[in-house]
C-alpha atoms as a PDB file:
ATOM      1  CA  MET A   1     126.986  59.723 242.837  1.00  0.00           C
ATOM      2  CA  ASN A   2     126.896  58.592 246.405  1.00  0.00           C
ATOM      3  CA  ILE A   3     128.801  58.929 249.446  1.00  0.00           C
ATOM      4  CA  PHE A   4     131.515  56.458 248.761  1.00  0.00           C
ATOM      5  CA  SER A   5     132.621  57.541 245.148  1.00  0.00           C
ATOM      6  CA  GLU A   6     134.776  60.355 246.299  1.00  0.00           C
ATOM      7  CA  ILE A   7     137.186  57.784 248.617  1.00  0.00           C
ATOM      8  CA  SER A   8     140.613  58.019 248.104  1.00  0.00           C
ATOM      9  CA  THR A   9     144.030  56.538 249.106  1.00  0.00           C
ATOM     10  CA  VAL A  10     145.293  59.728 250.319  1.00  0.00           C
ATOM     11  CA  GLY A  11     144.769  60.420 254.390  1.00  0.00           C
ATOM     12  CA  ASP A  12     141.119  59.835 255.593  1.00  0.00           C
ATOM     13  CA  PRO A  13     138.858  61.459 253.388  1.00  0.00           C
ATOM     14  CA  LEU A  14     135.832  59.877 255.727  1.00  0.00           C
ATOM     15  CA  ASP A  15     137.396  61.968 258.577  1.00  0.00           C
ATOM     16  CA  ARG A  16     135.856  65.117 257.704  1.00  0.00           C
ATOM     17  CA  PHE A  17     132.515  67.548 258.319  1.00  0.00           C
ATOM     18  CA  VAL A  18     130.178  68.245 255.605  1.00  0.00           C
ATOM     19  CA  SER A  19     127.164  70.102 254.689  1.00  0.00           C
ATOM     20  CA  THR A  20     123.790  68.898 254.844  1.00  0.00           C
ATOM     21  CA  LYS A  21     123.572  69.710 250.444  1.00  0.00           C
ATOM     22  CA  TYR A  22     126.572  67.416 250.509  1.00  0.00           C
ATOM     23  CA  ILE A  23     125.028  64.520 252.372  1.00  0.00           C
ATOM     24  CA  ALA A  24     121.616  65.036 250.378  1.00  0.00           C
ATOM     25  CA  GLU A  25     123.374  64.879 246.985  1.00  0.00           C
ATOM     26  CA  ARG A  26     124.822  61.837 247.519  1.00  0.00           C
ATOM     27  CA  THR A  27     122.071  59.917 249.471  1.00  0.00           C
ATOM     28  CA  ALA A  28     118.460  59.548 248.279  1.00  0.00           C
ATOM     29  CA  TYR A  29     117.162  62.118 250.683  1.00  0.00           C
ATOM     30  CA  SER A  30     116.583  65.720 249.883  1.00  0.00           C
ATOM     31  CA  PRO A  31     118.021  68.568 252.274  1.00  0.00           C
ATOM     32  CA  ARG A  32     114.497  68.989 253.683  1.00  0.00           C
ATOM     33  CA  THR A  33     114.383  65.843 254.768  1.00  0.00           C
ATOM     34  CA  TYR A  34     117.343  66.167 256.818  1.00  0.00           C
ATOM     35  CA  GLU A  35     116.022  69.577 258.358  1.00  0.00           C
ATOM     36  CA  ARG A  36     112.937  67.649 259.467  1.00  0.00           C
ATOM     37  CA  TRP A  37     115.283  64.664 260.945  1.00  0.00           C
ATOM     38  CA  ARG A  38     117.099  67.610 262.917  1.00  0.00           C
ATOM     39  CA  LEU A  39     113.536  68.959 264.398  1.00  0.00           C
ATOM     40  CA  GLU A  40     112.323  65.682 265.404  1.00  0.00           C
ATOM     41  CA  GLY A  41     115.677  64.566 266.778  1.00  0.00           C
ATOM     42  CA  ARG A  42     116.023  61.381 263.922  1.00  0.00           C
ATOM     43  CA  GLY A  43     118.681  60.831 261.065  1.00  0.00           C
ATOM     44  CA  PRO A  44     122.599  61.089 261.419  1.00  0.00           C
ATOM     45  CA  PRO A  45     123.853  63.036 264.333  1.00  0.00           C
ATOM     46  CA  PHE A  46     125.018  66.373 263.352  1.00  0.00           C
ATOM     47  CA  VAL A  47     126.597  69.197 264.797  1.00  0.00           C
ATOM     48  CA  ARG A  48     125.382  73.067 264.623  1.00  0.00           C
ATOM     49  CA  LEU A  49     127.985  75.626 263.930  1.00  0.00           C
ATOM     50  CA  ASN A  50     127.539  79.521 264.573  1.00  0.00           C
ATOM     51  CA  GLY A  51     125.036  81.163 262.971  1.00  0.00           C
ATOM     52  CA  GLY A  52     122.735  77.930 263.202  1.00  0.00           C
ATOM     53  CA  ARG A  53     124.472  76.072 259.813  1.00  0.00           C
ATOM     54  CA  CYS A  54     124.754  72.245 260.419  1.00  0.00           C
ATOM     55  CA  ARG A  55     127.642  70.013 259.376  1.00  0.00           C
ATOM     56  CA  TYR A  56     127.848  65.908 259.665  1.00  0.00           C
ATOM     57  CA  HIS A  57     130.665  63.963 260.168  1.00  0.00           C
ATOM     58  CA  LEU A  58     130.932  61.742 257.187  1.00  0.00           C
ATOM     59  CA  ARG A  59     132.158  58.387 258.852  1.00  0.00           C
ATOM     60  CA  THR A  60     129.210  58.939 261.075  1.00  0.00           C
ATOM     61  CA  VAL A  61     126.685  59.403 258.509  1.00  0.00           C
ATOM     62  CA  LEU A  62     128.068  56.273 256.940  1.00  0.00           C
ATOM     63  CA  GLU A  63     127.799  54.200 259.862  1.00  0.00           C
ATOM     64  CA  TYR A  64     124.527  55.423 260.498  1.00  0.00           C
ATOM     65  CA  PHE A  65     123.051  54.499 257.215  1.00  0.00           C
ATOM     66  CA  LEU A  66     125.121  51.144 257.059  1.00  0.00           C
ATOM     67  CA  THR A  67     123.546  50.241 260.477  1.00  0.00           C
ATOM     68  CA  ARG A  68     119.923  51.151 259.278  1.00  0.00           C
ATOM     69  CA  GLN A  69     120.498  49.050 256.172  1.00  0.00           C
ATOM     70  CA  ARG A  70     121.525  46.179 258.067  1.00  0.00           C
ATOM     71  CA  GLY A  71     118.644  45.941 260.466  1.00  0.00           C
ATOM     72  CA  GLU A  72     116.373  45.907 257.485  1.00  0.00           C
ATOM     73  CA  SER A  73     117.312  43.058 255.844  1.00  0.00           C
END
């Protein structure tokens, strides 16, 4: 499964905030990698909610990885 597998034609599914676990399950990176990236100031942008939980804007995560993929080729 990947980030693109849940895209539908109803509304804009990319315009939502998702958990670290959600992103990790759909990419090649573990939740610990995302945690480390946040501490190091790397990785896709995120928001921190009350209570310390982090969320990622799905569209921004896709753009982050697509930009990195194009830059490597």
